[in-house]
C-alpha atoms as a PDB file:
ATOM      1  CA  UNK A   1      23.151 346.754  55.093  1.00  0.00           C
ATOM      2  CA  UNK A   2      19.358 347.476  54.159  1.00  0.00           C
ATOM      3  CA  UNK A   3      18.980 343.431  54.092  1.00  0.00           C
ATOM      4  CA  UNK A   4      20.631 343.219  57.756  1.00  0.00           C
ATOM      5  CA  UNK A   5      18.830 346.050  59.089  1.00  0.00           C
ATOM      6  CA  UNK A   6      15.548 344.514  57.731  1.00  0.00           C
ATOM      7  CA  UNK A   7      16.188 341.408  59.128  1.00  0.00           C
ATOM      8  CA  UNK A   8      16.782 342.578  62.739  1.00  0.00           C
ATOM      9  CA  UNK A   9      13.544 344.956  62.552  1.00  0.00           C
ATOM     10  CA  UNK A  10      11.364 341.589  61.541  1.00  0.00           C
ATOM     11  CA  UNK A  11      13.288 339.428  64.434  1.00  0.00           C
ATOM     12  CA  UNK A  12      12.563 342.057  66.689  1.00  0.00           C
ATOM     13  CA  UNK A  13       9.066 342.360  65.725  1.00  0.00           C
ATOM     14  CA  UNK A  14       8.565 338.476  65.869  1.00  0.00           C
ATOM     15  CA  UNK A  15      10.358 338.704  69.744  1.00  0.00           C
ATOM     16  CA  UNK A  16       7.949 341.384  70.920  1.00  0.00           C
ATOM     17  CA  UNK A  17       4.749 339.959  69.306  1.00  0.00           C
ATOM     18  CA  UNK A  18       5.914 336.197  70.867  1.00  0.00           C
ATOM     19  CA  UNK A  19       6.813 337.702  74.485  1.00  0.00           C
ATOM     20  CA  UNK A  20       3.959 340.029  74.386  1.00  0.00           C
ATOM     21  CA  UNK A  21       1.372 336.970  74.007  1.00  0.00           C
ATOM     22  CA  UNK A  22       3.407 334.511  76.196  1.00  0.00           C
ATOM     23  CA  UNK A  23       3.002 337.096  79.155  1.00  0.00           C
ATOM     24  CA  UNK A  24      -0.476 337.947  78.398  1.00  0.00           C
ATOM     25  CA  UNK A  25      -1.167 334.072  78.663  1.00  0.00           C
ATOM     26  CA  UNK A  26       0.847 333.856  82.023  1.00  0.00           C
ATOM     27  CA  UNK A  27      -0.805 336.585  83.328  1.00  0.00           C
ATOM     28  CA  UNK A  28      -4.214 335.337  82.417  1.00  0.00           C
ATOM     29  CA  UNK A  29      -3.576 331.809  83.631  1.00  0.00           C
ATOM     30  CA  UNK A  30      -2.373 333.546  87.031  1.00  0.00           C
ATOM     31  CA  UNK A  31      -5.391 335.126  87.236  1.00  0.00           C
ATOM     32  CA  UNK A  32      -7.691 332.360  86.503  1.00  0.00           C
ATOM     33  CA  UNK A  33      -5.835 330.365  89.443  1.00  0.00           C
ATOM     34  CA  UNK A  34      -6.451 333.181  91.920  1.00  0.00           C
ATOM     35  CA  UNK A  35      -9.937 333.418  91.412  1.00  0.00           C
ATOM     36  CA  UNK A  36     -10.714 329.861  90.649  1.00  0.00           C
ATOM     37  CA  UNK A  37     -13.193 331.374  88.357  1.00  0.00           C
ATOM     38  CA  UNK A  38     -13.609 329.963  84.653  1.00  0.00           C
ATOM     39  CA  UNK A  39     -14.010 332.801  82.208  1.00  0.00           C
ATOM     40  CA  UNK A  40     -16.794 332.396  79.473  1.00  0.00           C
ATOM     41  CA  UNK A  41     -15.891 331.512  75.857  1.00  0.00           C
ATOM     42  CA  UNK A  42     -16.950 335.128  74.693  1.00  0.00           C
ATOM     43  CA  UNK A  43     -14.925 336.621  77.221  1.00  0.00           C
ATOM     44  CA  UNK A  44     -11.737 334.654  76.262  1.00  0.00           C
ATOM     45  CA  UNK A  45     -12.183 335.475  72.775  1.00  0.00           C
ATOM     46  CA  UNK A  46     -12.101 339.409  73.755  1.00  0.00           C
ATOM     47  CA  UNK A  47      -8.987 338.677  75.938  1.00  0.00           C
ATOM     48  CA  UNK A  48      -7.597 337.217  73.299  1.00  0.00           C
ATOM     49  CA  UNK A  49      -8.512 339.563  70.633  1.00  0.00           C
ATOM     50  CA  UNK A  50      -6.930 342.315  73.197  1.00  0.00           C
ATOM     51  CA  UNK A  51      -3.793 340.542  73.596  1.00  0.00           C
ATOM     52  CA  UNK A  52      -3.131 339.862  70.272  1.00  0.00           C
ATOM     53  CA  UNK A  53      -4.059 343.678  69.606  1.00  0.00           C
ATOM     54  CA  UNK A  54      -1.382 344.592  72.393  1.00  0.00           C
ATOM     55  CA  UNK A  55       1.077 342.303  70.718  1.00  0.00           C
ATOM     56  CA  UNK A  56       0.747 344.154  67.321  1.00  0.00           C
ATOM     57  CA  UNK A  57       1.189 347.242  68.854  1.00  0.00           C
ATOM     58  CA  UNK A  58       4.211 346.266  70.752  1.00  0.00           C
ATOM     59  CA  UNK A  59       5.748 344.884  67.560  1.00  0.00           C
ATOM     60  CA  UNK A  60       4.795 348.161  65.659  1.00  0.00           C
ATOM     61  CA  UNK A  61       6.803 350.370  68.031  1.00  0.00           C
ATOM     62  CA  UNK A  62       9.805 347.792  68.120  1.00  0.00           C
ATOM     63  CA  UNK A  63       9.759 348.138  64.079  1.00  0.00           C
ATOM     64  CA  UNK A  64       9.352 351.965  64.354  1.00  0.00           C
ATOM     65  CA  UNK A  65      12.118 352.329  66.607  1.00  0.00           C
ATOM     66  CA  UNK A  66      14.200 350.038  64.282  1.00  0.00           C
ATOM     67  CA  UNK A  67      13.702 352.116  61.654  1.00  0.00           C
ATOM     68  CA  UNK A  68      14.281 355.501  63.321  1.00  0.00           C
ATOM     69  CA  UNK A  69      17.667 354.288  64.475  1.00  0.00           C
ATOM     70  CA  UNK A  70      18.644 353.033  61.173  1.00  0.00           C
ATOM     71  CA  UNK A  71      17.736 356.211  59.605  1.00  0.00           C
ATOM     72  CA  UNK A  72      19.817 358.331  62.287  1.00  0.00           C
ATOM     73  CA  UNK A  73      22.558 355.932  61.737  1.00  0.00           C
ATOM     74  CA  UNK A  74      22.644 356.306  57.923  1.00  0.00           C
ATOM     75  CA  UNK A  75      22.215 360.100  57.990  1.00  0.00           C
ATOM     76  CA  UNK A  76      25.098 360.502  60.267  1.00  0.00           C
ATOM     77  CA  UNK A  77      27.307 358.112  58.404  1.00  0.00           C
ATOM     78  CA  UNK A  78      26.251 360.137  55.253  1.00  0.00           C
ATOM     79  CA  UNK A  79      27.453 363.115  56.866  1.00  0.00           C
ATOM     80  CA  UNK A  80      30.396 362.373  57.958  1.00  0.00           C
ATOM     81  CA  UNK A  81      31.702 360.617  54.798  1.00  0.00           C
ATOM     82  CA  UNK A  82      30.293 363.947  53.202  1.00  0.00           C
ATOM     83  CA  UNK A  83      32.241 366.149  55.364  1.00  0.00           C
ATOM     84  CA  UNK A  84      35.409 364.147  54.893  1.00  0.00           C
ATOM     85  CA  UNK A  85      34.937 363.872  51.126  1.00  0.00           C
ATOM     86  CA  UNK A  86      34.462 367.779  51.145  1.00  0.00           C
ATOM     87  CA  UNK A  87      37.650 368.441  53.351  1.00  0.00           C
ATOM     88  CA  UNK A  88      39.875 365.805  51.118  1.00  0.00           C
ATOM     89  CA  UNK A  89      38.888 368.143  48.032  1.00  0.00           C
ATOM     90  CA  UNK A  90      39.646 371.238  49.557  1.00  0.00           C
ATOM     91  CA  UNK A  91      43.006 369.920  50.365  1.00  0.00           C
ATOM     92  CA  UNK A  92      43.785 368.395  47.013  1.00  0.00           C
ATOM     93  CA  UNK A  93      42.577 371.715  45.238  1.00  0.00           C
ATOM     94  CA  UNK A  94      44.822 373.955  47.775  1.00  0.00           C
ATOM     95  CA  UNK A  95      47.519 371.654  47.122  1.00  0.00           C
ATOM     96  CA  UNK A  96      47.371 371.663  43.039  1.00  0.00           C
ATOM     97  CA  UNK A  97      47.095 375.389  43.378  1.00  0.00           C
ATOM     98  CA  UNK A  98      50.331 375.643  45.212  1.00  0.00           C
ATOM     99  CA  UNK A  99      51.835 373.419  43.010  1.00  0.00           C
ATOM    100  CA  UNK A 100      50.759 375.478  39.985  1.00  0.00           C
ATOM    101  CA  UNK A 101      52.334 378.566  41.385  1.00  0.00           C
ATOM    102  CA  UNK A 102      55.741 377.332  42.119  1.00  0.00           C
ATOM    103  CA  UNK A 103      57.423 375.886  39.116  1.00  0.00           C
ATOM    104  CA  UNK A 104      60.651 373.914  39.482  1.00  0.00           C
END
């Protein structure tokens, strides 16, 4: 179960990172075509760094969201199993008491 969740979180992070970089590259390309102005090499480097930083943030947010969701589902499932086990145990104890009181 944990392996599946980790795989999904990694895949989500990779997808978000890739999507962020592609969208940033597309918007940068649109801006260049619109202005007919070619930015300097240092400006390109700054923009690339900013886009990489934004993509990393997006990936981190996606990983956090996936981790929190997995935690909450695990907690809820554990509580549900605990309550079912507790109720079944009470029923078995009460049934055992009734059987002990009524000899055949």
